């Protein structure tokens, strides 16, 4: 399954996207693991505080802190 991982910073009502990456993963849990690895390896202009994971169709599957503490129920 193809996922889109977006790293961004959110301040007040504004969002600034630092990087958007397409990621192939078998399920959402694996996408979270891939997002964690990308968070630590991508060269971004600033450290993002938020993360969004969407599917191929643009449907948002997760939006939350980019701290690696993702939901256990996924």
N, C-alpha and C. Protein backbone atom coordinates (compact mmCIF):
# COMPACT_ATOMS: atom_id res chain seq x y z
N UNK A 1 0.85 -1.17 0.00
CA UNK A 1 0.00 0.00 0.00
C UNK A 1 0.90 1.24 0.00
N UNK A 2 0.48 2.25 -0.73
CA UNK A 2 1.27 3.47 -0.79
C UNK A 2 0.71 4.51 0.19
N UNK A 3 1.59 5.10 0.97
CA UNK A 3 1.24 6.13 1.94
C UNK A 3 1.99 7.41 1.60
N UNK A 4 1.44 8.54 1.99
CA UNK A 4 2.13 9.82 1.87
C UNK A 4 2.37 10.32 3.29
N UNK A 5 3.65 10.55 3.61
CA UNK A 5 4.04 11.03 4.92
C UNK A 5 4.38 12.50 4.77
N UNK A 6 3.74 13.34 5.56
CA UNK A 6 3.99 14.79 5.51
C UNK A 6 4.47 15.25 6.89
N UNK A 7 5.63 15.89 6.90
CA UNK A 7 6.18 16.46 8.13
C UNK A 7 5.96 17.96 8.09
N UNK A 8 5.39 18.51 9.16
CA UNK A 8 5.10 19.94 9.16
C UNK A 8 5.17 20.52 10.56
N UNK A 9 5.17 21.84 10.61
CA UNK A 9 5.12 22.56 11.87
C UNK A 9 3.82 23.34 11.88
N UNK A 10 3.14 23.32 13.00
CA UNK A 10 1.86 24.00 13.15
C UNK A 10 1.98 25.08 14.22
N UNK A 11 1.67 26.30 13.83
CA UNK A 11 1.68 27.43 14.77
C UNK A 11 0.39 28.21 14.58
N UNK A 12 -0.36 28.38 15.65
CA UNK A 12 -1.65 29.06 15.59
C UNK A 12 -2.51 28.41 14.50
N UNK A 13 -2.91 29.15 13.49
CA UNK A 13 -3.74 28.57 12.43
C UNK A 13 -2.94 28.25 11.18
N UNK A 14 -1.62 28.45 11.23
CA UNK A 14 -0.78 28.25 10.04
C UNK A 14 0.01 26.95 10.13
N UNK A 15 0.21 26.33 8.97
CA UNK A 15 1.03 25.13 8.87
C UNK A 15 2.13 25.36 7.84
N UNK A 16 3.33 24.88 8.13
CA UNK A 16 4.44 24.95 7.18
C UNK A 16 4.94 23.53 6.95
N UNK A 17 4.83 23.05 5.72
CA UNK A 17 5.28 21.70 5.38
C UNK A 17 6.77 21.72 5.11
N UNK A 18 7.51 20.83 5.77
CA UNK A 18 8.96 20.73 5.58
C UNK A 18 9.33 19.65 4.60
N UNK A 19 8.57 18.57 4.55
CA UNK A 19 8.85 17.51 3.59
C UNK A 19 7.62 16.64 3.44
N UNK A 20 7.45 16.10 2.23
CA UNK A 20 6.34 15.19 1.92
C UNK A 20 6.96 14.04 1.15
N UNK A 21 6.77 12.82 1.65
CA UNK A 21 7.43 11.65 1.09
C UNK A 21 6.42 10.54 0.83
N UNK A 22 6.54 9.88 -0.30
CA UNK A 22 5.73 8.72 -0.60
C UNK A 22 6.44 7.49 -0.04
N UNK A 23 5.69 6.60 0.59
CA UNK A 23 6.27 5.44 1.25
C UNK A 23 5.42 4.21 0.97
N UNK A 24 6.05 3.16 0.52
CA UNK A 24 5.38 1.88 0.30
C UNK A 24 5.51 1.06 1.59
N UNK A 25 4.36 0.62 2.13
CA UNK A 25 4.35 -0.17 3.36
C UNK A 25 3.14 -1.11 3.32
N UNK A 26 3.24 -2.27 3.98
CA UNK A 26 2.14 -3.24 3.95
C UNK A 26 0.90 -2.81 4.75
N UNK A 27 1.11 -1.93 5.76
CA UNK A 27 -0.02 -1.50 6.59
C UNK A 27 0.33 -0.19 7.29
N UNK A 28 -0.64 0.36 8.02
CA UNK A 28 -0.43 1.65 8.69
C UNK A 28 0.64 1.57 9.76
N UNK A 29 0.70 0.48 10.50
CA UNK A 29 1.73 0.33 11.54
C UNK A 29 3.12 0.43 10.91
N UNK A 30 3.33 -0.24 9.78
CA UNK A 30 4.63 -0.17 9.10
C UNK A 30 4.89 1.25 8.58
N UNK A 31 3.83 1.94 8.18
CA UNK A 31 3.99 3.34 7.74
C UNK A 31 4.46 4.21 8.91
N UNK A 32 3.93 3.97 10.12
CA UNK A 32 4.39 4.69 11.31
C UNK A 32 5.88 4.43 11.55
N UNK A 33 6.29 3.20 11.42
CA UNK A 33 7.70 2.85 11.61
C UNK A 33 8.57 3.53 10.56
N UNK A 34 8.09 3.55 9.32
CA UNK A 34 8.82 4.24 8.26
C UNK A 34 8.89 5.74 8.52
N UNK A 35 7.81 6.33 9.02
CA UNK A 35 7.78 7.75 9.33
C UNK A 35 8.80 8.08 10.43
N UNK A 36 8.92 7.20 11.42
CA UNK A 36 9.90 7.41 12.49
C UNK A 36 11.31 7.41 11.92
N UNK A 37 11.61 6.46 11.05
CA UNK A 37 12.94 6.40 10.43
C UNK A 37 13.20 7.64 9.59
N UNK A 38 12.19 8.07 8.82
CA UNK A 38 12.35 9.27 8.00
C UNK A 38 12.56 10.51 8.85
N UNK A 39 11.85 10.60 9.97
CA UNK A 39 11.99 11.75 10.86
C UNK A 39 13.45 11.94 11.28
N UNK A 40 14.14 10.83 11.50
CA UNK A 40 15.53 10.89 11.96
C UNK A 40 16.55 11.00 10.84
N UNK A 41 16.16 10.74 9.59
CA UNK A 41 17.15 10.72 8.51
C UNK A 41 16.97 11.82 7.47
N UNK A 42 15.78 12.39 7.32
CA UNK A 42 15.58 13.44 6.32
C UNK A 42 16.25 14.73 6.76
N UNK A 43 16.82 15.44 5.80
CA UNK A 43 17.42 16.75 6.07
C UNK A 43 16.33 17.80 5.83
N UNK A 44 15.71 18.26 6.91
CA UNK A 44 14.64 19.25 6.81
C UNK A 44 15.15 20.57 7.36
N UNK A 45 14.60 21.70 6.88
CA UNK A 45 15.09 23.01 7.31
C UNK A 45 14.87 23.30 8.79
N UNK A 46 13.87 22.68 9.38
CA UNK A 46 13.58 22.79 10.80
C UNK A 46 13.07 21.44 11.28
N UNK A 47 12.99 21.28 12.57
CA UNK A 47 12.46 20.03 13.12
C UNK A 47 10.94 20.14 13.17
N UNK A 48 10.25 19.24 12.47
CA UNK A 48 8.78 19.31 12.47
C UNK A 48 8.21 18.87 13.82
N UNK A 49 7.06 19.41 14.16
CA UNK A 49 6.40 18.97 15.39
C UNK A 49 5.14 18.16 15.11
N UNK A 50 4.76 18.09 13.84
CA UNK A 50 3.55 17.35 13.46
C UNK A 50 3.83 16.44 12.27
N UNK A 51 2.95 15.45 12.13
CA UNK A 51 3.08 14.44 11.10
C UNK A 51 1.70 14.08 10.60
N UNK A 52 1.57 13.91 9.28
CA UNK A 52 0.30 13.49 8.70
C UNK A 52 0.59 12.29 7.80
N UNK A 53 -0.23 11.25 7.92
CA UNK A 53 -0.13 10.09 7.04
C UNK A 53 -1.45 9.97 6.28
N UNK A 54 -1.33 9.93 4.95
CA UNK A 54 -2.51 9.81 4.08
C UNK A 54 -2.35 8.61 3.18
N UNK A 55 -3.47 8.15 2.63
CA UNK A 55 -3.40 7.06 1.66
C UNK A 55 -3.27 7.62 0.25
N UNK A 56 -3.27 6.75 -0.75
CA UNK A 56 -3.15 7.15 -2.16
C UNK A 56 -4.20 8.16 -2.59
N UNK A 57 -5.37 8.05 -2.03
CA UNK A 57 -6.50 8.91 -2.42
C UNK A 57 -6.51 10.24 -1.68
N UNK A 58 -5.56 10.45 -0.78
CA UNK A 58 -5.50 11.69 -0.03
C UNK A 58 -6.30 11.66 1.26
N UNK A 59 -6.87 10.51 1.60
CA UNK A 59 -7.61 10.39 2.86
C UNK A 59 -6.63 10.37 4.03
N UNK A 60 -6.84 11.24 4.98
CA UNK A 60 -5.96 11.33 6.15
C UNK A 60 -6.21 10.14 7.07
N UNK A 61 -5.15 9.40 7.37
CA UNK A 61 -5.24 8.23 8.25
C UNK A 61 -4.73 8.54 9.65
N UNK A 62 -3.83 9.52 9.75
CA UNK A 62 -3.27 9.92 11.04
C UNK A 62 -2.77 11.35 10.93
N UNK A 63 -2.99 12.12 11.96
CA UNK A 63 -2.40 13.45 12.10
C UNK A 63 -2.13 13.63 13.57
N UNK A 64 -0.89 13.92 13.91
CA UNK A 64 -0.55 14.09 15.32
C UNK A 64 0.89 14.46 15.50
N UNK A 65 1.36 14.37 16.73
CA UNK A 65 2.73 14.74 17.03
C UNK A 65 3.74 13.88 16.29
N UNK A 66 4.83 14.49 15.89
CA UNK A 66 5.91 13.77 15.20
C UNK A 66 6.98 13.40 16.21
N UNK A 67 6.57 12.72 17.27
CA UNK A 67 7.53 12.39 18.34
C UNK A 67 7.80 10.90 18.44
N UNK A 68 7.22 10.12 17.55
CA UNK A 68 7.45 8.67 17.56
C UNK A 68 6.52 7.91 18.49
N UNK A 69 5.68 8.60 19.24
CA UNK A 69 4.74 7.95 20.15
C UNK A 69 3.40 7.81 19.44
N UNK A 70 3.29 6.83 18.57
CA UNK A 70 2.09 6.67 17.77
C UNK A 70 1.11 5.74 18.46
N UNK A 71 -0.15 5.80 18.06
CA UNK A 71 -1.18 5.00 18.73
C UNK A 71 -0.89 3.49 18.72
N UNK A 72 -1.12 2.85 19.82
CA UNK A 72 -0.86 1.42 19.96
C UNK A 72 -1.90 0.58 19.22
N UNK A 73 -3.08 1.11 19.01
CA UNK A 73 -4.17 0.33 18.42
C UNK A 73 -4.09 0.22 16.90
N UNK A 74 -3.10 0.78 16.28
CA UNK A 74 -2.99 0.72 14.81
C UNK A 74 -2.44 -0.62 14.39
